[in-house]
Amino acid sequence: MSIVNFTPIPALIGGILIGLAATLVLLLNGKLAGISGIVARVVRPVPGDTAWRAVFLLGMVAGGALTFAVWPSTSAFGLDASWSRILIGGLLVGIGTRVGGGCTSGHGVCGISLGSRRSIVATLTFMATGFATVYVLRHVLAGGMSS
C-alpha cells in the first residue's frame, strides 16, 4: 500500500476545526456534535431543538463550498465506484449509525474525548469493520465486483 497525495497540514487544520466545532457545540448547547444525531433531529424535529442543528448542517455545507471555492485543488479527487455502490454504501452507513447508536463523529470525536467506554468500543468496531470491508473488497473479491 502506498499513500498518495498525503497532505499533513490541511489534515491537521481540518482535525483542529472538527475538534473546535465539537467543543463549541458541547460548551454552547450541552450537546454532542454527532452528525447522525444532528441529521436525525432535523429530519424528525423536536420543538426548540432544531434551529441550531439546521444551522450546524448548513455551516458544514457552506464551509465545504467555501473551501472548494478558495482552494479548488481540495476538490480534485475521484470516486472509484458507481453511484449505485455509493448509494448502497450510504444506506448501510445510515443503518449502522442507527444500530450503533451514533456515528464516527459522535462516538469517535466526542465520545472518546469524554472517556466513554461505549464510544471507544463503537469506534473500534467501526474501524475493524472498515478494515475488514476494504480487505474483502480489495483482496478477496478483487475483480469480482465492478464499479
C-alpha atoms as a PDB file:
ATOM      1  CA  MET A   1       0.000   0.000   0.000  1.00  0.00           C
ATOM      2  CA  SER A   2       1.233   3.474  -0.771  1.00  0.00           C
ATOM      3  CA  ILE A   3      -0.139   6.748   0.441  1.00  0.00           C
ATOM      4  CA  VAL A   4      -0.663   9.195  -2.410  1.00  0.00           C
ATOM      5  CA  ASN A   5      -1.090  12.940  -2.014  1.00  0.00           C
ATOM      6  CA  PHE A   6      -0.804  12.917   1.789  1.00  0.00           C
ATOM      7  CA  THR A   7      -1.302  16.480   2.975  1.00  0.00           C
ATOM      8  CA  PRO A   8      -0.464  16.710   6.681  1.00  0.00           C
ATOM      9  CA  ILE A   9      -1.019  20.456   7.155  1.00  0.00           C
ATOM     10  CA  PRO A  10      -4.557  20.569   5.705  1.00  0.00           C
ATOM     11  CA  ALA A  11      -5.355  17.338   7.584  1.00  0.00           C
ATOM     12  CA  LEU A  12      -4.126  18.889  10.838  1.00  0.00           C
ATOM     13  CA  ILE A  13      -6.103  22.074  10.215  1.00  0.00           C
ATOM     14  CA  GLY A  14      -9.226  20.013   9.438  1.00  0.00           C
ATOM     15  CA  GLY A  15      -8.791  17.976  12.613  1.00  0.00           C
ATOM     16  CA  ILE A  16      -8.377  21.121  14.692  1.00  0.00           C
ATOM     17  CA  LEU A  17     -11.520  22.629  13.156  1.00  0.00           C
ATOM     18  CA  ILE A  18     -13.525  19.453  13.809  1.00  0.00           C
ATOM     19  CA  GLY A  19     -12.349  19.422  17.433  1.00  0.00           C
ATOM     20  CA  LEU A  20     -13.127  23.121  17.826  1.00  0.00           C
ATOM     21  CA  ALA A  21     -16.623  22.690  16.359  1.00  0.00           C
ATOM     22  CA  ALA A  22     -17.336  19.709  18.630  1.00  0.00           C
ATOM     23  CA  THR A  23     -16.091  21.655  21.648  1.00  0.00           C
ATOM     24  CA  LEU A  24     -18.205  24.708  20.810  1.00  0.00           C
ATOM     25  CA  VAL A  25     -21.354  22.618  20.314  1.00  0.00           C
ATOM     26  CA  LEU A  26     -20.784  20.960  23.683  1.00  0.00           C
ATOM     27  CA  LEU A  27     -19.988  24.220  25.507  1.00  0.00           C
ATOM     28  CA  LEU A  28     -22.734  26.322  23.899  1.00  0.00           C
ATOM     29  CA  ASN A  29     -25.537  23.737  23.689  1.00  0.00           C
ATOM     30  CA  GLY A  30     -24.526  20.952  26.029  1.00  0.00           C
ATOM     31  CA  LYS A  31     -24.967  18.576  23.080  1.00  0.00           C
ATOM     32  CA  LEU A  32     -22.610  16.231  21.245  1.00  0.00           C
ATOM     33  CA  ALA A  33     -21.683  17.040  17.657  1.00  0.00           C
ATOM     34  CA  GLY A  34     -22.641  13.632  16.307  1.00  0.00           C
ATOM     35  CA  ILE A  35     -23.684  14.217  12.722  1.00  0.00           C
ATOM     36  CA  SER A  36     -26.110  11.293  12.520  1.00  0.00           C
ATOM     37  CA  GLY A  37     -27.937  12.555  15.615  1.00  0.00           C
ATOM     38  CA  ILE A  38     -27.978  16.114  14.320  1.00  0.00           C
ATOM     39  CA  VAL A  39     -29.399  14.999  10.957  1.00  0.00           C
ATOM     40  CA  ALA A  40     -31.933  12.699  12.656  1.00  0.00           C
ATOM     41  CA  ARG A  41     -33.314  15.610  14.708  1.00  0.00           C
ATOM     42  CA  VAL A  42     -33.574  17.827  11.630  1.00  0.00           C
ATOM     43  CA  VAL A  43     -35.442  15.113   9.717  1.00  0.00           C
ATOM     44  CA  ARG A  44     -37.627  14.377  12.764  1.00  0.00           C
ATOM     45  CA  PRO A  45     -37.678  17.769  14.513  1.00  0.00           C
ATOM     46  CA  VAL A  46     -38.078  18.290  18.219  1.00  0.00           C
ATOM     47  CA  PRO A  47     -39.617  21.674  19.044  1.00  0.00           C
ATOM     48  CA  GLY A  48     -36.992  24.121  20.294  1.00  0.00           C
ATOM     49  CA  ASP A  49     -34.077  21.847  19.358  1.00  0.00           C
ATOM     50  CA  THR A  50     -33.955  22.053  15.579  1.00  0.00           C
ATOM     51  CA  ALA A  51     -32.688  25.518  14.596  1.00  0.00           C
ATOM     52  CA  TRP A  52     -29.107  25.085  15.866  1.00  0.00           C
ATOM     53  CA  ARG A  53     -28.939  21.672  14.182  1.00  0.00           C
ATOM     54  CA  ALA A  54     -30.046  23.083  10.826  1.00  0.00           C
ATOM     55  CA  VAL A  55     -27.561  25.955  11.131  1.00  0.00           C
ATOM     56  CA  PHE A  56     -24.782  23.490  12.025  1.00  0.00           C
ATOM     57  CA  LEU A  57     -25.543  21.368   8.929  1.00  0.00           C
ATOM     58  CA  LEU A  58     -25.768  24.440   6.688  1.00  0.00           C
ATOM     59  CA  GLY A  59     -22.427  25.592   8.095  1.00  0.00           C
ATOM     60  CA  MET A  60     -20.857  22.244   7.190  1.00  0.00           C
ATOM     61  CA  VAL A  61     -22.095  22.519   3.608  1.00  0.00           C
ATOM     62  CA  ALA A  62     -21.158  26.202   3.345  1.00  0.00           C
ATOM     63  CA  GLY A  63     -17.718  25.514   4.832  1.00  0.00           C
ATOM     64  CA  GLY A  64     -17.086  22.794   2.275  1.00  0.00           C
ATOM     65  CA  ALA A  65     -18.284  25.009  -0.575  1.00  0.00           C
ATOM     66  CA  LEU A  66     -16.104  27.887   0.638  1.00  0.00           C
ATOM     67  CA  THR A  67     -13.082  25.613   0.909  1.00  0.00           C
ATOM     68  CA  PHE A  68     -13.585  24.342  -2.639  1.00  0.00           C
ATOM     69  CA  ALA A  69     -14.046  27.922  -3.901  1.00  0.00           C
ATOM     70  CA  VAL A  70     -10.916  29.255  -2.164  1.00  0.00           C
ATOM     71  CA  TRP A  71      -8.728  26.169  -2.766  1.00  0.00           C
ATOM     72  CA  PRO A  72     -10.051  24.407  -5.892  1.00  0.00           C
ATOM     73  CA  SER A  73      -7.346  21.750  -5.608  1.00  0.00           C
ATOM     74  CA  THR A  74      -9.102  20.375  -2.498  1.00  0.00           C
ATOM     75  CA  SER A  75     -11.916  19.115  -4.707  1.00  0.00           C
ATOM     76  CA  ALA A  76      -9.547  17.276  -7.062  1.00  0.00           C
ATOM     77  CA  PHE A  77     -10.441  13.720  -6.107  1.00  0.00           C
ATOM     78  CA  GLY A  78     -12.156  10.862  -7.825  1.00  0.00           C
ATOM     79  CA  LEU A  79     -14.533   8.157  -6.738  1.00  0.00           C
ATOM     80  CA  ASP A  80     -13.706   4.646  -7.799  1.00  0.00           C
ATOM     81  CA  ALA A  81     -17.271   3.372  -7.568  1.00  0.00           C
ATOM     82  CA  SER A  82     -20.600   3.617  -9.351  1.00  0.00           C
ATOM     83  CA  TRP A  83     -23.426   5.758  -7.990  1.00  0.00           C
ATOM     84  CA  SER A  84     -25.350   2.603  -7.076  1.00  0.00           C
ATOM     85  CA  ARG A  85     -22.452   1.381  -4.892  1.00  0.00           C
ATOM     86  CA  ILE A  86     -22.135   4.813  -3.313  1.00  0.00           C
ATOM     87  CA  LEU A  87     -25.875   4.914  -2.524  1.00  0.00           C
ATOM     88  CA  ILE A  88     -25.847   1.369  -1.122  1.00  0.00           C
ATOM     89  CA  GLY A  89     -22.797   2.236   0.987  1.00  0.00           C
ATOM     90  CA  GLY A  90     -24.512   5.372   2.271  1.00  0.00           C
ATOM     91  CA  LEU A  91     -27.626   3.393   3.156  1.00  0.00           C
ATOM     92  CA  LEU A  92     -25.551   0.806   5.035  1.00  0.00           C
ATOM     93  CA  VAL A  93     -23.713   3.558   6.916  1.00  0.00           C
ATOM     94  CA  GLY A  94     -27.062   5.114   7.858  1.00  0.00           C
ATOM     95  CA  ILE A  95     -28.355   1.792   9.149  1.00  0.00           C
ATOM     96  CA  GLY A  96     -25.109   1.256  11.044  1.00  0.00           C
ATOM     97  CA  THR A  97     -25.372   4.625  12.773  1.00  0.00           C
ATOM     98  CA  ARG A  98     -28.856   3.772  13.999  1.00  0.00           C
ATOM     99  CA  VAL A  99     -27.854   0.284  15.159  1.00  0.00           C
ATOM    100  CA  GLY A 100     -24.630   1.580  16.757  1.00  0.00           C
ATOM    101  CA  GLY A 101     -26.345   4.493  18.457  1.00  0.00           C
ATOM    102  CA  GLY A 102     -24.236   7.089  16.687  1.00  0.00           C
ATOM    103  CA  CYS A 103     -21.577   7.756  14.110  1.00  0.00           C
ATOM    104  CA  THR A 104     -17.845   8.304  13.959  1.00  0.00           C
ATOM    105  CA  SER A 105     -18.183  11.973  14.851  1.00  0.00           C
ATOM    106  CA  GLY A 106     -20.408  11.308  17.860  1.00  0.00           C
ATOM    107  CA  HIS A 107     -18.506   8.306  19.173  1.00  0.00           C
ATOM    108  CA  GLY A 108     -15.043   8.834  17.695  1.00  0.00           C
ATOM    109  CA  VAL A 109     -14.603  12.563  18.226  1.00  0.00           C
ATOM    110  CA  CYS A 110     -16.952  13.419  21.076  1.00  0.00           C
ATOM    111  CA  GLY A 111     -17.441  10.160  22.972  1.00  0.00           C
ATOM    112  CA  ILE A 112     -13.793   9.129  23.141  1.00  0.00           C
ATOM    113  CA  SER A 113     -12.742  12.625  24.214  1.00  0.00           C
ATOM    114  CA  LEU A 114     -15.243  12.359  27.078  1.00  0.00           C
ATOM    115  CA  GLY A 115     -13.848   8.947  28.055  1.00  0.00           C
ATOM    116  CA  SER A 116     -16.953   6.957  27.127  1.00  0.00           C
ATOM    117  CA  ARG A 117     -16.226   3.205  27.103  1.00  0.00           C
ATOM    118  CA  ARG A 118     -19.229   2.668  24.863  1.00  0.00           C
ATOM    119  CA  SER A 119     -17.783   5.135  22.342  1.00  0.00           C
ATOM    120  CA  ILE A 120     -14.363   3.505  22.472  1.00  0.00           C
ATOM    121  CA  VAL A 121     -15.920   0.104  21.721  1.00  0.00           C
ATOM    122  CA  ALA A 122     -18.123   1.598  18.987  1.00  0.00           C
ATOM    123  CA  THR A 123     -15.170   3.361  17.335  1.00  0.00           C
ATOM    124  CA  LEU A 124     -13.026   0.217  17.462  1.00  0.00           C
ATOM    125  CA  THR A 125     -15.938  -1.667  15.878  1.00  0.00           C
ATOM    126  CA  PHE A 126     -16.295   0.975  13.120  1.00  0.00           C
ATOM    127  CA  MET A 127     -12.586   0.773  12.392  1.00  0.00           C
ATOM    128  CA  ALA A 128     -12.407  -3.043  12.405  1.00  0.00           C
ATOM    129  CA  THR A 129     -15.465  -3.284  10.158  1.00  0.00           C
ATOM    130  CA  GLY A 130     -13.986  -0.733   7.766  1.00  0.00           C
ATOM    131  CA  PHE A 131     -10.664  -2.573   7.627  1.00  0.00           C
ATOM    132  CA  ALA A 132     -12.424  -5.898   7.038  1.00  0.00           C
ATOM    133  CA  THR A 133     -14.653  -4.431   4.330  1.00  0.00           C
ATOM    134  CA  VAL A 134     -11.726  -2.939   2.426  1.00  0.00           C
ATOM    135  CA  TYR A 135      -9.781  -6.183   2.748  1.00  0.00           C
ATOM    136  CA  VAL A 136     -12.667  -8.291   1.433  1.00  0.00           C
ATOM    137  CA  LEU A 137     -13.476  -5.902  -1.428  1.00  0.00           C
ATOM    138  CA  ARG A 138      -9.855  -5.387  -2.489  1.00  0.00           C
ATOM    139  CA  HIS A 139      -8.307  -8.795  -1.815  1.00  0.00           C
ATOM    140  CA  VAL A 140     -10.954 -11.497  -1.519  1.00  0.00           C
ATOM    141  CA  LEU A 141     -13.402 -10.315  -4.167  1.00  0.00           C
ATOM    142  CA  ALA A 142     -10.688  -8.341  -6.017  1.00  0.00           C
ATOM    143  CA  GLY A 143     -12.051  -8.197  -9.549  1.00  0.00           C
ATOM    144  CA  GLY A 144     -15.375  -9.799  -8.679  1.00  0.00           C
ATOM    145  CA  MET A 145     -17.176  -6.519  -8.069  1.00  0.00           C
ATOM    146  CA  SER A 146     -17.357  -3.974 -10.827  1.00  0.00           C
ATOM    147  CA  SER A 147     -17.767  -0.300 -10.112  1.00  0.00           C
END
